[in-house]
Amino acid sequence: MLANYLPILLFLIVALAFGGVLVLAGGIIGPNRPSAEKLAPYECGFEAFEDARMKFDVRYYLVAILFIIFDLEIAFLFPWAVVLDRIGLFGLISMTLFLLILVIGFVYEWKKGALDWE
C-alpha cells in the first residue's frame, strides 16, 4: 500500500531539493545592492508610516478583486475542458453562457473605468 506513495514522495524530495538549490544559488550568485528605498517597508500603494486615519485610494483593492474574479474563470475552464467530450453540447452551451456573463462584466468594469490606474 505504501509503495503506491513512493513516486509522490520522490517527487516532493526532488522538488524541495531543486528549490533549495535554486534559492541558495540565487543568494550566492545574485547581486546584493541594498539601498534605503529597497529596504523601506511598502504595502498597498502608499507609504507605511503615515497617519493611520488617512483616506486612501481603493483602486488597488478593486484591481485585486477583479484579478481574483477573472482568475477563478480559468479555474473553471480547466475541469470543463477535461470533461467536454463527456458532457457534450449542453456543457458547451453552459460554458459559453458562463463566459458571456464574465465578458459582459469585464466590459462593464472597463467602461466604468475600474481598470484605469491614473
Protein backbone atom coordinates (compact mmCIF):
# COMPACT_ATOMS: atom_id res chain seq x y z
CA MET A 1 0.00 0.00 0.00
CA LEU A 2 2.74 2.46 0.92
CA ALA A 3 4.63 1.59 -2.27
CA ASN A 4 1.94 3.48 -4.21
CA TYR A 5 3.02 6.70 -2.49
CA LEU A 6 6.74 6.28 -3.26
CA PRO A 7 6.64 8.27 -6.54
CA ILE A 8 4.90 11.15 -4.77
CA LEU A 9 7.49 11.11 -2.00
CA LEU A 10 10.32 11.08 -4.52
CA PHE A 11 8.72 13.94 -6.45
CA LEU A 12 8.43 16.02 -3.27
CA ILE A 13 12.05 15.33 -2.29
CA VAL A 14 13.35 16.26 -5.75
CA ALA A 15 11.17 19.39 -5.86
CA LEU A 16 12.31 20.58 -2.42
CA ALA A 17 15.95 19.86 -3.22
CA PHE A 18 15.72 21.66 -6.58
CA GLY A 19 14.02 24.65 -4.97
CA GLY A 20 16.58 24.79 -2.19
CA VAL A 21 19.47 24.66 -4.66
CA LEU A 22 17.95 27.49 -6.70
CA VAL A 23 17.43 29.67 -3.61
CA LEU A 24 20.99 29.07 -2.44
CA ALA A 25 22.41 29.72 -5.91
CA GLY A 26 20.43 32.96 -6.13
CA GLY A 27 21.78 34.10 -2.78
CA ILE A 28 25.37 33.32 -3.74
CA ILE A 29 25.41 34.38 -7.40
CA GLY A 30 22.79 37.15 -7.42
CA PRO A 31 23.66 40.82 -6.90
CA ASN A 32 23.15 42.30 -3.46
CA ARG A 33 22.92 46.10 -3.55
CA PRO A 34 20.60 47.24 -0.76
CA SER A 35 19.51 50.88 -0.63
CA ALA A 36 17.17 52.89 1.58
CA GLU A 37 14.34 52.61 -0.96
CA LYS A 38 14.74 48.86 -1.34
CA LEU A 39 14.77 48.26 2.41
CA ALA A 40 11.80 50.53 3.17
CA PRO A 41 8.51 48.83 4.03
CA TYR A 42 5.94 49.20 1.25
CA GLU A 43 2.43 47.90 1.03
CA CYS A 44 -0.81 48.61 -0.79
CA GLY A 45 0.39 51.51 -2.93
CA PHE A 46 1.07 54.06 -0.16
CA GLU A 47 3.72 54.77 2.45
CA ALA A 48 3.59 52.59 5.54
CA PHE A 49 4.42 55.29 8.11
CA GLU A 50 1.74 57.89 7.59
CA ASP A 51 -1.36 58.72 9.58
CA ALA A 52 -3.46 55.60 10.17
CA ARG A 53 -6.66 57.59 9.66
CA MET A 54 -5.78 58.97 6.25
CA LYS A 55 -8.00 58.33 3.26
CA PHE A 56 -6.52 56.08 0.63
CA ASP A 57 -7.47 55.02 -2.84
CA VAL A 58 -9.33 51.72 -3.06
CA ARG A 59 -8.37 51.08 -6.70
CA TYR A 60 -5.60 48.76 -5.54
CA TYR A 61 -8.16 46.52 -3.85
CA LEU A 62 -10.55 46.81 -6.78
CA VAL A 63 -7.90 45.57 -9.20
CA ALA A 64 -7.04 42.73 -6.80
CA ILE A 65 -10.68 41.65 -6.57
CA LEU A 66 -11.07 41.82 -10.35
CA PHE A 67 -7.97 39.67 -10.73
CA ILE A 68 -9.39 37.07 -8.36
CA ILE A 69 -12.71 37.01 -10.21
CA PHE A 70 -11.13 36.52 -13.63
CA ASP A 71 -8.58 34.10 -12.23
CA LEU A 72 -11.44 31.92 -11.00
CA GLU A 73 -12.71 31.85 -14.56
CA ILE A 74 -9.58 29.93 -15.54
CA ALA A 75 -10.09 27.59 -12.58
CA PHE A 76 -13.49 26.66 -14.01
CA LEU A 77 -12.21 26.27 -17.57
CA PHE A 78 -9.68 23.51 -16.86
CA PRO A 79 -12.10 20.89 -15.45
CA TRP A 80 -14.63 21.79 -18.14
CA ALA A 81 -12.06 21.24 -20.87
CA VAL A 82 -11.16 17.82 -19.45
CA VAL A 83 -14.74 16.50 -19.49
CA LEU A 84 -16.01 18.34 -22.58
CA ASP A 85 -16.23 15.14 -24.64
CA ARG A 86 -18.48 13.55 -21.98
CA ILE A 87 -20.83 16.48 -21.33
CA GLY A 88 -21.38 17.29 -25.00
CA LEU A 89 -23.43 20.14 -26.37
CA PHE A 90 -25.07 21.01 -23.04
CA GLY A 91 -21.63 21.59 -21.48
CA LEU A 92 -20.51 23.70 -24.43
CA ILE A 93 -23.61 25.90 -24.25
CA SER A 94 -23.42 26.30 -20.47
CA MET A 95 -19.73 27.28 -20.58
CA THR A 96 -20.41 29.69 -23.44
CA LEU A 97 -23.12 31.32 -21.31
CA PHE A 98 -20.76 31.47 -18.32
CA LEU A 99 -18.02 33.11 -20.39
CA LEU A 100 -20.51 35.52 -21.95
CA ILE A 101 -21.62 36.69 -18.50
CA LEU A 102 -17.99 37.19 -17.48
CA VAL A 103 -17.23 39.13 -20.66
CA ILE A 104 -20.24 41.37 -20.04
CA GLY A 105 -18.95 42.01 -16.51
CA PHE A 106 -15.46 42.73 -17.83
CA VAL A 107 -16.79 45.20 -20.41
CA TYR A 108 -18.90 46.88 -17.71
CA GLU A 109 -15.86 47.29 -15.43
CA TRP A 110 -13.81 48.57 -18.36
CA LYS A 111 -16.45 51.16 -19.32
CA LYS A 112 -16.81 52.31 -15.70
CA GLY A 113 -13.04 52.96 -15.59
CA ALA A 114 -12.24 50.39 -12.91
CA LEU A 115 -9.20 49.23 -14.87
CA ASP A 116 -7.71 52.72 -15.36
CA TRP A 117 -4.85 53.29 -12.94
CA GLU A 118 -4.17 57.07 -13.39
